[in-house]
Amino acid sequence: MSTVETPREVRAQAKYVRMSPRKARLVAEHIRGRSVPEARAVLAFTSREAAEVLQKVLQSAVSNAEANHGIAEERLYVKATYVDGGPVMKRWRARARGRVARIRKRTCHITVQLAERPQAAPVVEPAQAEAAEVAKATGAPARKKTAAASKKKTASKRPAKKKGVAT
């Protein structure tokens, strides 16, 4: 039984991004769980402003992984992306009859977390392994199923048509 090493994780964060968290979350959902090249392709063709910011954060996380851990980009996938609310700038706007309306300029903190795909030893089914061991012991090649032997003839499941009955 082979041991699987624990996957290494890397993250990058952009703080105080001048964008509503709700708008950034819409784009962040698209790349969760995807491989890094696939996530880049998705962000490149997303026509929202948040896609550009997320692309920069993703690039930063990939650079961190390559520089600090020596992990190639192709082996990484987006484990998590989350967008937290940042401080809100409050502004005022004059309205009719001496009143005032509040304007909230929201900010957000965007985090992208990457992980390395674990590489496990190739799994061999017990029946195949047993046949290979027997073949090695006897010196004969392992038997393979032919296409004709693996196909079984099955009876038709439709009932036979009765003669003389008009439909």
N, C-alpha and C. Protein backbone atom coordinates (compact mmCIF):
# COMPACT_ATOMS: atom_id res chain seq x y z
N MET A 1 0.85 -1.17 0.00
CA MET A 1 0.00 0.00 0.00
C MET A 1 0.89 1.23 0.00
N SER A 2 0.64 2.14 -0.90
CA SER A 2 1.47 3.33 -1.01
C SER A 2 0.92 4.44 -0.12
N THR A 3 1.82 5.30 0.28
CA THR A 3 1.39 6.43 1.10
C THR A 3 1.15 7.63 0.19
N VAL A 4 0.11 8.36 0.49
CA VAL A 4 -0.22 9.56 -0.27
C VAL A 4 0.19 10.75 0.58
N GLU A 5 1.06 11.60 0.03
CA GLU A 5 1.49 12.76 0.79
C GLU A 5 0.38 13.80 0.84
N THR A 6 0.38 14.56 1.91
CA THR A 6 -0.67 15.56 2.08
C THR A 6 -0.47 16.67 1.05
N PRO A 7 -1.55 17.11 0.42
CA PRO A 7 -1.41 18.16 -0.59
C PRO A 7 -1.04 19.49 0.05
N ARG A 8 -0.14 20.20 -0.61
CA ARG A 8 0.28 21.50 -0.10
C ARG A 8 -0.71 22.56 -0.58
N GLU A 9 -0.91 23.56 0.25
CA GLU A 9 -1.87 24.62 -0.07
C GLU A 9 -1.18 25.97 -0.09
N VAL A 10 -1.65 26.83 -0.98
CA VAL A 10 -1.11 28.18 -1.13
C VAL A 10 -2.29 29.12 -1.26
N ARG A 11 -2.13 30.36 -0.76
CA ARG A 11 -3.23 31.30 -0.92
C ARG A 11 -2.68 32.69 -1.22
N ALA A 12 -3.57 33.48 -1.80
CA ALA A 12 -3.26 34.89 -2.07
C ALA A 12 -4.52 35.69 -1.75
N GLN A 13 -4.29 36.93 -1.36
CA GLN A 13 -5.42 37.74 -0.92
C GLN A 13 -5.27 39.16 -1.45
N ALA A 14 -6.39 39.74 -1.85
CA ALA A 14 -6.42 41.15 -2.23
C ALA A 14 -7.37 41.83 -1.25
N LYS A 15 -6.86 42.81 -0.55
CA LYS A 15 -7.68 43.48 0.47
C LYS A 15 -8.10 44.86 0.01
N TYR A 16 -9.20 45.30 0.54
CA TYR A 16 -9.75 46.64 0.29
C TYR A 16 -10.00 46.90 -1.19
N VAL A 17 -10.51 45.89 -1.88
CA VAL A 17 -10.85 46.05 -3.30
C VAL A 17 -12.11 46.88 -3.37
N ARG A 18 -12.10 47.92 -4.17
CA ARG A 18 -13.22 48.87 -4.25
C ARG A 18 -14.33 48.32 -5.14
N MET A 19 -15.02 47.30 -4.60
CA MET A 19 -16.07 46.62 -5.33
C MET A 19 -17.00 45.97 -4.31
N SER A 20 -18.24 45.85 -4.67
CA SER A 20 -19.21 45.23 -3.79
C SER A 20 -18.90 43.73 -3.64
N PRO A 21 -18.94 43.19 -2.44
CA PRO A 21 -18.66 41.76 -2.26
C PRO A 21 -19.64 40.88 -3.03
N ARG A 22 -20.86 41.34 -3.13
CA ARG A 22 -21.88 40.55 -3.81
C ARG A 22 -21.53 40.35 -5.29
N LYS A 23 -21.03 41.40 -5.92
CA LYS A 23 -20.65 41.32 -7.33
C LYS A 23 -19.42 40.44 -7.53
N ALA A 24 -18.49 40.51 -6.60
CA ALA A 24 -17.28 39.69 -6.71
C ALA A 24 -17.58 38.22 -6.46
N ARG A 25 -18.54 37.93 -5.58
CA ARG A 25 -18.90 36.53 -5.29
C ARG A 25 -19.47 35.83 -6.51
N LEU A 26 -20.19 36.58 -7.34
CA LEU A 26 -20.78 35.98 -8.55
C LEU A 26 -19.70 35.39 -9.45
N VAL A 27 -18.57 36.07 -9.55
CA VAL A 27 -17.47 35.59 -10.40
C VAL A 27 -16.67 34.51 -9.67
N ALA A 28 -16.49 34.66 -8.36
CA ALA A 28 -15.69 33.70 -7.59
C ALA A 28 -16.30 32.30 -7.64
N GLU A 29 -17.63 32.22 -7.73
CA GLU A 29 -18.30 30.91 -7.78
C GLU A 29 -17.91 30.13 -9.04
N HIS A 30 -17.58 30.84 -10.11
CA HIS A 30 -17.31 30.17 -11.39
C HIS A 30 -16.00 29.38 -11.39
N ILE A 31 -15.04 29.76 -10.54
CA ILE A 31 -13.74 29.10 -10.62
C ILE A 31 -13.48 28.11 -9.50
N ARG A 32 -14.37 28.01 -8.54
CA ARG A 32 -14.17 27.07 -7.43
C ARG A 32 -14.08 25.63 -7.92
N GLY A 33 -13.05 24.91 -7.49
CA GLY A 33 -12.91 23.50 -7.82
C GLY A 33 -12.29 23.22 -9.18
N ARG A 34 -12.00 24.22 -9.96
CA ARG A 34 -11.43 24.01 -11.30
C ARG A 34 -9.90 23.99 -11.23
N SER A 35 -9.30 23.43 -12.26
CA SER A 35 -7.84 23.47 -12.36
C SER A 35 -7.44 24.91 -12.70
N VAL A 36 -6.19 25.25 -12.44
CA VAL A 36 -5.75 26.63 -12.66
C VAL A 36 -5.85 27.05 -14.13
N PRO A 37 -5.39 26.22 -15.09
CA PRO A 37 -5.55 26.66 -16.50
C PRO A 37 -7.02 26.85 -16.89
N GLU A 38 -7.89 25.98 -16.37
CA GLU A 38 -9.31 26.10 -16.68
C GLU A 38 -9.90 27.36 -16.04
N ALA A 39 -9.49 27.66 -14.81
CA ALA A 39 -9.98 28.86 -14.12
C ALA A 39 -9.54 30.12 -14.85
N ARG A 40 -8.31 30.11 -15.37
CA ARG A 40 -7.83 31.28 -16.13
C ARG A 40 -8.66 31.49 -17.38
N ALA A 41 -9.01 30.40 -18.05
CA ALA A 41 -9.82 30.51 -19.27
C ALA A 41 -11.20 31.07 -18.95
N VAL A 42 -11.78 30.60 -17.85
CA VAL A 42 -13.11 31.08 -17.45
C VAL A 42 -13.06 32.58 -17.14
N LEU A 43 -12.04 33.00 -16.40
CA LEU A 43 -11.93 34.42 -16.04
C LEU A 43 -11.62 35.30 -17.26
N ALA A 44 -10.88 34.75 -18.21
CA ALA A 44 -10.53 35.55 -19.40
C ALA A 44 -11.77 35.87 -20.22
N PHE A 45 -12.76 34.99 -20.20
CA PHE A 45 -13.96 35.22 -21.00
C PHE A 45 -15.16 35.67 -20.18
N THR A 46 -14.94 36.05 -18.93
CA THR A 46 -16.02 36.59 -18.11
C THR A 46 -15.99 38.11 -18.24
N SER A 47 -17.11 38.69 -18.59
CA SER A 47 -17.15 40.12 -18.89
C SER A 47 -17.57 40.97 -17.70
N ARG A 48 -17.07 40.66 -16.54
CA ARG A 48 -17.35 41.46 -15.35
C ARG A 48 -16.05 42.03 -14.82
N GLU A 49 -16.16 43.16 -14.16
CA GLU A 49 -14.97 43.82 -13.64
C GLU A 49 -14.27 42.96 -12.58
N ALA A 50 -15.04 42.19 -11.84
CA ALA A 50 -14.48 41.34 -10.79
C ALA A 50 -13.57 40.26 -11.36
N ALA A 51 -13.79 39.87 -12.61
CA ALA A 51 -12.97 38.84 -13.23
C ALA A 51 -11.51 39.28 -13.34
N GLU A 52 -11.28 40.56 -13.64
CA GLU A 52 -9.92 41.07 -13.76
C GLU A 52 -9.21 41.02 -12.41
N VAL A 53 -9.91 41.40 -11.36
CA VAL A 53 -9.32 41.39 -10.02
C VAL A 53 -9.03 39.96 -9.59
N LEU A 54 -9.98 39.07 -9.83
CA LEU A 54 -9.78 37.66 -9.46
C LEU A 54 -8.64 37.04 -10.26
N GLN A 55 -8.47 37.45 -11.50
CA GLN A 55 -7.38 36.93 -12.33
C GLN A 55 -6.03 37.33 -11.73
N LYS A 56 -5.94 38.56 -11.23
CA LYS A 56 -4.70 39.02 -10.61
C LYS A 56 -4.41 38.24 -9.32
N VAL A 57 -5.45 37.99 -8.54
CA VAL A 57 -5.26 37.25 -7.28
C VAL A 57 -4.87 35.81 -7.59
N LEU A 58 -5.49 35.21 -8.60
CA LEU A 58 -5.15 33.85 -9.00
C LEU A 58 -3.70 33.78 -9.47
N GLN A 59 -3.27 34.75 -10.26
CA GLN A 59 -1.88 34.80 -10.73
C GLN A 59 -0.92 34.92 -9.56
N SER A 60 -1.27 35.71 -8.57
CA SER A 60 -0.44 35.88 -7.38
C SER A 60 -0.32 34.57 -6.62
N ALA A 61 -1.42 33.83 -6.49
CA ALA A 61 -1.39 32.55 -5.78
C ALA A 61 -0.53 31.53 -6.53
N VAL A 62 -0.63 31.51 -7.85
CA VAL A 62 0.18 30.60 -8.66
C VAL A 62 1.66 30.95 -8.51
N SER A 63 1.98 32.24 -8.53
CA SER A 63 3.37 32.68 -8.36
C SER A 63 3.89 32.28 -6.99
N ASN A 64 3.05 32.40 -5.97
CA ASN A 64 3.45 31.98 -4.62
C ASN A 64 3.76 30.49 -4.58
N ALA A 65 2.93 29.69 -5.25
CA ALA A 65 3.12 28.24 -5.26
C ALA A 65 4.42 27.86 -5.96
N GLU A 66 4.68 28.51 -7.10
CA GLU A 66 5.90 28.19 -7.86
C GLU A 66 7.15 28.66 -7.12
N ALA A 67 7.12 29.87 -6.56
CA ALA A 67 8.30 30.43 -5.91
C ALA A 67 8.59 29.78 -4.55
N ASN A 68 7.56 29.56 -3.75
CA ASN A 68 7.77 29.08 -2.38
C ASN A 68 7.80 27.57 -2.26
N HIS A 69 7.06 26.86 -3.12
CA HIS A 69 6.96 25.40 -2.98
C HIS A 69 7.43 24.64 -4.21
N GLY A 70 7.66 25.32 -5.31
CA GLY A 70 8.11 24.66 -6.53
C GLY A 70 7.06 23.79 -7.18
N ILE A 71 5.81 24.16 -7.05
CA ILE A 71 4.71 23.39 -7.63
C ILE A 71 4.38 23.97 -9.00
N ALA A 72 4.28 23.10 -9.99
CA ALA A 72 3.94 23.56 -11.35
C ALA A 72 2.48 23.97 -11.41
N GLU A 73 2.18 24.90 -12.30
CA GLU A 73 0.81 25.43 -12.44
C GLU A 73 -0.19 24.34 -12.83
N GLU A 74 0.23 23.37 -13.64
CA GLU A 74 -0.67 22.34 -14.13
C GLU A 74 -1.14 21.40 -13.02
N ARG A 75 -0.39 21.34 -11.92
CA ARG A 75 -0.74 20.43 -10.82
C ARG A 75 -1.63 21.09 -9.78
N LEU A 76 -1.95 22.36 -9.95
CA LEU A 76 -2.73 23.11 -8.97
C LEU A 76 -4.20 23.18 -9.37
N TYR A 77 -5.06 23.26 -8.36
CA TYR A 77 -6.48 23.52 -8.60
C TYR A 77 -6.98 24.50 -7.56
N VAL A 78 -8.08 25.16 -7.86
CA VAL A 78 -8.64 26.16 -6.96
C VAL A 78 -9.44 25.44 -5.89
N LYS A 79 -8.89 25.36 -4.70
CA LYS A 79 -9.56 24.66 -3.61
C LYS A 79 -10.70 25.51 -3.05
N ALA A 80 -10.46 26.80 -2.90
CA ALA A 80 -11.49 27.67 -2.34
C ALA A 80 -11.28 29.10 -2.84
N THR A 81 -12.38 29.78 -3.04
CA THR A 81 -12.35 31.22 -3.28
C THR A 81 -13.45 31.82 -2.43
N TYR A 82 -13.13 32.82 -1.71
CA TYR A 82 -14.18 33.48 -0.94
C TYR A 82 -13.96 34.98 -0.92
N VAL A 83 -15.06 35.68 -0.80
CA VAL A 83 -15.06 37.14 -0.83
C VAL A 83 -15.72 37.62 0.46
N ASP A 84 -14.95 38.31 1.27
CA ASP A 84 -15.46 38.85 2.53
C ASP A 84 -15.67 40.35 2.38
N GLY A 85 -16.62 40.86 3.12
CA GLY A 85 -16.88 42.29 3.10
C GLY A 85 -15.80 43.07 3.82
N GLY A 86 -15.42 44.20 3.27
CA GLY A 86 -14.44 45.08 3.90
C GLY A 86 -15.14 46.29 4.50
N PRO A 87 -14.38 47.29 4.86
CA PRO A 87 -15.01 48.49 5.41
C PRO A 87 -15.86 49.21 4.36
N VAL A 88 -16.89 49.87 4.84
CA VAL A 88 -17.81 50.57 3.95
C VAL A 88 -17.59 52.08 4.12
N MET A 89 -17.34 52.77 2.99
CA MET A 89 -17.20 54.22 3.04
C MET A 89 -18.59 54.83 2.93
N LYS A 90 -18.92 55.73 3.84
CA LYS A 90 -20.26 56.32 3.85
C LYS A 90 -20.19 57.74 3.31
N ARG A 91 -21.03 57.99 2.33
CA ARG A 91 -21.10 59.31 1.73
C ARG A 91 -22.55 59.77 1.76
N TRP A 92 -22.77 61.06 1.57
CA TRP A 92 -24.11 61.62 1.62
C TRP A 92 -24.44 62.33 0.33
N ARG A 93 -25.71 62.31 -0.03
CA ARG A 93 -26.16 62.99 -1.24
C ARG A 93 -27.39 63.82 -0.90
N ALA A 94 -27.40 65.05 -1.34
CA ALA A 94 -28.52 65.95 -1.04
C ALA A 94 -29.76 65.50 -1.82
N ARG A 95 -30.89 65.53 -1.15
CA ARG A 95 -32.16 65.18 -1.77
C ARG A 95 -33.13 66.36 -1.61
N ALA A 96 -34.33 66.18 -2.08
CA ALA A 96 -35.33 67.26 -2.05
C ALA A 96 -35.75 67.60 -0.62
N ARG A 97 -36.18 68.82 -0.44
CA ARG A 97 -36.72 69.33 0.83
C ARG A 97 -35.73 69.21 1.98
N GLY A 98 -34.48 69.40 1.68
CA GLY A 98 -33.47 69.45 2.73
C GLY A 98 -33.09 68.09 3.30
N ARG A 99 -33.52 67.05 2.67
CA ARG A 99 -33.19 65.71 3.17
C ARG A 99 -31.87 65.23 2.59
N VAL A 100 -31.44 64.04 3.06
CA VAL A 100 -30.16 63.51 2.62
C VAL A 100 -30.31 62.01 2.40
N ALA A 101 -29.58 61.49 1.43
CA ALA A 101 -29.60 60.04 1.17
C ALA A 101 -28.19 59.49 1.39
N ARG A 102 -28.12 58.32 1.99
CA ARG A 102 -26.83 57.71 2.27
C ARG A 102 -26.35 56.94 1.05
N ILE A 103 -25.07 57.08 0.73
CA ILE A 103 -24.43 56.30 -0.33
C ILE A 103 -23.38 55.43 0.36
N ARG A 104 -23.47 54.13 0.15
CA ARG A 104 -22.50 53.21 0.75
C ARG A 104 -21.56 52.71 -0.33
N LYS A 105 -20.29 53.05 -0.22
CA LYS A 105 -19.29 52.58 -1.17
C LYS A 105 -18.58 51.39 -0.52
N ARG A 106 -18.94 50.21 -0.98
CA ARG A 106 -18.48 48.98 -0.33
C ARG A 106 -17.09 48.57 -0.84
N THR A 107 -16.38 47.86 0.02
CA THR A 107 -15.10 47.25 -0.36
C THR A 107 -15.16 45.77 0.02
N CYS A 108 -14.21 44.98 -0.50
CA CYS A 108 -14.19 43.57 -0.18
C CYS A 108 -12.76 43.05 -0.13
N HIS A 109 -12.61 41.90 0.51
CA HIS A 109 -11.34 41.19 0.58
C HIS A 109 -11.53 39.88 -0.19
N ILE A 110 -10.72 39.67 -1.23
CA ILE A 110 -10.85 38.48 -2.08
C ILE A 110 -9.70 37.53 -1.76
N THR A 111 -10.03 36.27 -1.48
CA THR A 111 -9.03 35.25 -1.17
C THR A 111 -9.16 34.09 -2.13
N VAL A 112 -8.03 33.66 -2.69
CA VAL A 112 -8.00 32.48 -3.57
C VAL A 112 -7.04 31.49 -2.92
N GLN A 113 -7.53 30.27 -2.71
CA GLN A 113 -6.72 29.23 -2.08
C GLN A 113 -6.52 28.10 -3.09
N LEU A 114 -5.26 27.78 -3.37
CA LEU A 114 -4.91 26.72 -4.31
C LEU A 114 -4.35 25.53 -3.56
N ALA A 115 -4.54 24.35 -4.11
CA ALA A 115 -3.98 23.13 -3.53
C ALA A 115 -3.40 22.27 -4.64
N GLU A 116 -2.44 21.45 -4.26
CA GLU A 116 -1.81 20.55 -5.23
C GLU A 116 -2.65 19.29 -5.33
N ARG A 117 -2.86 18.84 -6.55
CA ARG A 117 -3.61 17.59 -6.73
C ARG A 117 -2.75 16.45 -6.22
N PRO A 118 -3.29 15.60 -5.32
CA PRO A 118 -2.49 14.50 -4.81
C PRO A 118 -2.23 13.47 -5.90
N GLN A 119 -1.01 12.95 -5.92
CA GLN A 119 -0.67 11.92 -6.89
C GLN A 119 -0.51 10.60 -6.15
N ALA A 120 -1.48 9.74 -6.33
CA ALA A 120 -1.44 8.43 -5.69
C ALA A 120 -0.88 7.41 -6.68
N ALA A 121 -0.43 6.28 -6.14
CA ALA A 121 0.06 5.20 -7.00
C ALA A 121 -1.09 4.67 -7.83
N PRO A 122 -0.85 4.19 -9.06
CA PRO A 122 -1.94 3.67 -9.88
C PRO A 122 -2.61 2.48 -9.20
N VAL A 123 -3.93 2.49 -9.21
CA VAL A 123 -4.70 1.45 -8.53
C VAL A 123 -4.89 0.28 -9.48
N VAL A 124 -4.55 -0.94 -9.00
CA VAL A 124 -4.72 -2.15 -9.79
C VAL A 124 -5.81 -2.97 -9.13
N GLU A 125 -6.77 -3.40 -9.91
CA GLU A 125 -7.86 -4.20 -9.36
C GLU A 125 -7.33 -5.54 -8.90
N PRO A 126 -7.87 -6.10 -7.80
CA PRO A 126 -7.36 -7.36 -7.26
C PRO A 126 -7.42 -8.52 -8.26
N ALA A 127 -8.46 -8.59 -9.08
CA ALA A 127 -8.58 -9.69 -10.04
C ALA A 127 -7.48 -9.60 -11.09
N GLN A 128 -7.16 -8.39 -11.54
CA GLN A 128 -6.10 -8.23 -12.52
C GLN A 128 -4.74 -8.54 -11.91
N ALA A 129 -4.52 -8.11 -10.67
CA ALA A 129 -3.26 -8.37 -10.01
C ALA A 129 -3.06 -9.86 -9.80
N GLU A 130 -4.12 -10.57 -9.42
CA GLU A 130 -4.05 -12.01 -9.19
C GLU A 130 -3.72 -12.73 -10.49
N ALA A 131 -4.35 -12.35 -11.58
CA ALA A 131 -4.10 -12.98 -12.88
C ALA A 131 -2.66 -12.73 -13.33
N ALA A 132 -2.14 -11.55 -13.07
CA ALA A 132 -0.78 -11.22 -13.44
C ALA A 132 0.22 -12.05 -12.62
N GLU A 133 -0.06 -12.25 -11.33
CA GLU A 133 0.82 -13.06 -10.48
C GLU A 133 0.82 -14.52 -10.93
N VAL A 134 -0.34 -15.05 -11.28
CA VAL A 134 -0.43 -16.43 -11.75
C VAL A 134 0.33 -16.58 -13.06
N ALA A 135 0.21 -15.60 -13.93
CA ALA A 135 0.89 -15.64 -15.21
C ALA A 135 2.41 -15.62 -15.02
N LYS A 136 2.87 -14.81 -14.08
CA LYS A 136 4.31 -14.75 -13.81
C LYS A 136 4.81 -16.09 -13.27
N ALA A 137 4.03 -16.71 -12.39
CA ALA A 137 4.44 -17.97 -11.77
C ALA A 137 4.49 -19.10 -12.79
N THR A 138 3.54 -19.18 -13.70
CA THR A 138 3.49 -20.26 -14.68
C THR A 138 4.28 -19.95 -15.93
N GLY A 139 4.58 -18.71 -16.15
CA GLY A 139 5.33 -18.34 -17.34
C GLY A 139 4.45 -18.14 -18.56
N ALA A 140 3.14 -18.30 -18.41
CA ALA A 140 2.21 -18.14 -19.52
C ALA A 140 1.65 -16.72 -19.50
N PRO A 141 1.33 -16.19 -20.66
CA PRO A 141 0.74 -14.84 -20.67
C PRO A 141 -0.67 -14.87 -20.08
N ALA A 142 -1.06 -13.77 -19.47
CA ALA A 142 -2.39 -13.67 -18.88
C ALA A 142 -3.44 -13.71 -19.98
N ARG A 143 -4.56 -14.39 -19.73
CA ARG A 143 -5.61 -14.50 -20.73
C ARG A 143 -6.41 -13.21 -20.80
N LYS A 144 -6.72 -12.84 -22.00
CA LYS A 144 -7.55 -11.65 -22.20
C LYS A 144 -8.88 -12.11 -22.76
N LYS A 145 -9.91 -11.39 -22.42
CA LYS A 145 -11.23 -11.68 -22.98
C LYS A 145 -11.30 -11.14 -24.39
N THR A 146 -11.80 -11.95 -25.28
CA THR A 146 -11.99 -11.46 -26.64
C THR A 146 -13.32 -10.76 -26.73
N ALA A 147 -13.50 -10.00 -27.77
CA ALA A 147 -14.74 -9.26 -27.93
C ALA A 147 -15.92 -10.21 -28.08
N ALA A 148 -15.71 -11.32 -28.78
CA ALA A 148 -16.81 -12.27 -29.01
C ALA A 148 -17.18 -12.98 -27.71
N ALA A 149 -16.18 -13.28 -26.88
CA ALA A 149 -16.45 -14.02 -25.64
C ALA A 149 -17.15 -13.12 -24.62
N SER A 150 -16.86 -11.82 -24.65
CA SER A 150 -17.46 -10.94 -23.65
C SER A 150 -18.91 -10.57 -23.97
N LYS A 151 -19.30 -10.68 -25.25
CA LYS A 151 -20.68 -10.36 -25.62
C LYS A 151 -21.56 -11.58 -25.42
N LYS A 152 -22.65 -11.39 -24.74
CA LYS A 152 -23.60 -12.47 -24.52
C LYS A 152 -24.85 -12.18 -25.34
N LYS A 153 -25.41 -13.25 -25.90
CA LYS A 153 -26.64 -13.09 -26.65
C LYS A 153 -27.79 -13.09 -25.67
N THR A 154 -28.61 -12.06 -25.76
CA THR A 154 -29.76 -11.97 -24.87
C THR A 154 -31.02 -12.06 -25.70
N ALA A 155 -32.04 -12.62 -25.07
CA ALA A 155 -33.32 -12.76 -25.76
C ALA A 155 -33.97 -11.39 -25.89
N SER A 156 -34.77 -11.24 -26.92
CA SER A 156 -35.48 -9.98 -27.12
C SER A 156 -36.50 -9.80 -26.00
N LYS A 157 -36.60 -8.61 -25.46
CA LYS A 157 -37.52 -8.37 -24.35
C LYS A 157 -38.91 -8.03 -24.82
N ARG A 158 -39.09 -7.78 -26.13
CA ARG A 158 -40.41 -7.47 -26.66
C ARG A 158 -41.16 -8.77 -26.93
N PRO A 159 -42.44 -8.81 -26.58
CA PRO A 159 -43.21 -10.02 -26.88
C PRO A 159 -43.41 -10.15 -28.39
N ALA A 160 -43.51 -11.37 -28.82
CA ALA A 160 -43.69 -11.64 -30.25
C ALA A 160 -45.06 -11.16 -30.70
N LYS A 161 -45.13 -10.69 -31.96
CA LYS A 161 -46.41 -10.21 -32.49
C LYS A 161 -47.30 -11.40 -32.80
N LYS A 162 -48.57 -11.24 -32.50
CA LYS A 162 -49.54 -12.30 -32.81
C LYS A 162 -50.03 -12.12 -34.22
N LYS A 163 -50.16 -13.24 -34.90
CA LYS A 163 -50.61 -13.18 -36.28
C LYS A 163 -52.11 -13.00 -36.33
N GLY A 164 -52.53 -12.23 -37.28
CA GLY A 164 -53.96 -12.05 -37.52
C GLY A 164 -54.60 -10.98 -36.67
N VAL A 165 -53.85 -10.26 -35.84
CA VAL A 165 -54.41 -9.21 -35.00
C VAL A 165 -54.10 -7.86 -35.65
N ALA A 166 -55.12 -7.12 -35.96
CA ALA A 166 -54.95 -5.80 -36.59
C ALA A 166 -54.89 -4.74 -35.51
N THR A 167 -54.04 -3.77 -35.72
CA THR A 167 -53.94 -2.68 -34.74
C THR A 167 -54.48 -1.40 -35.28
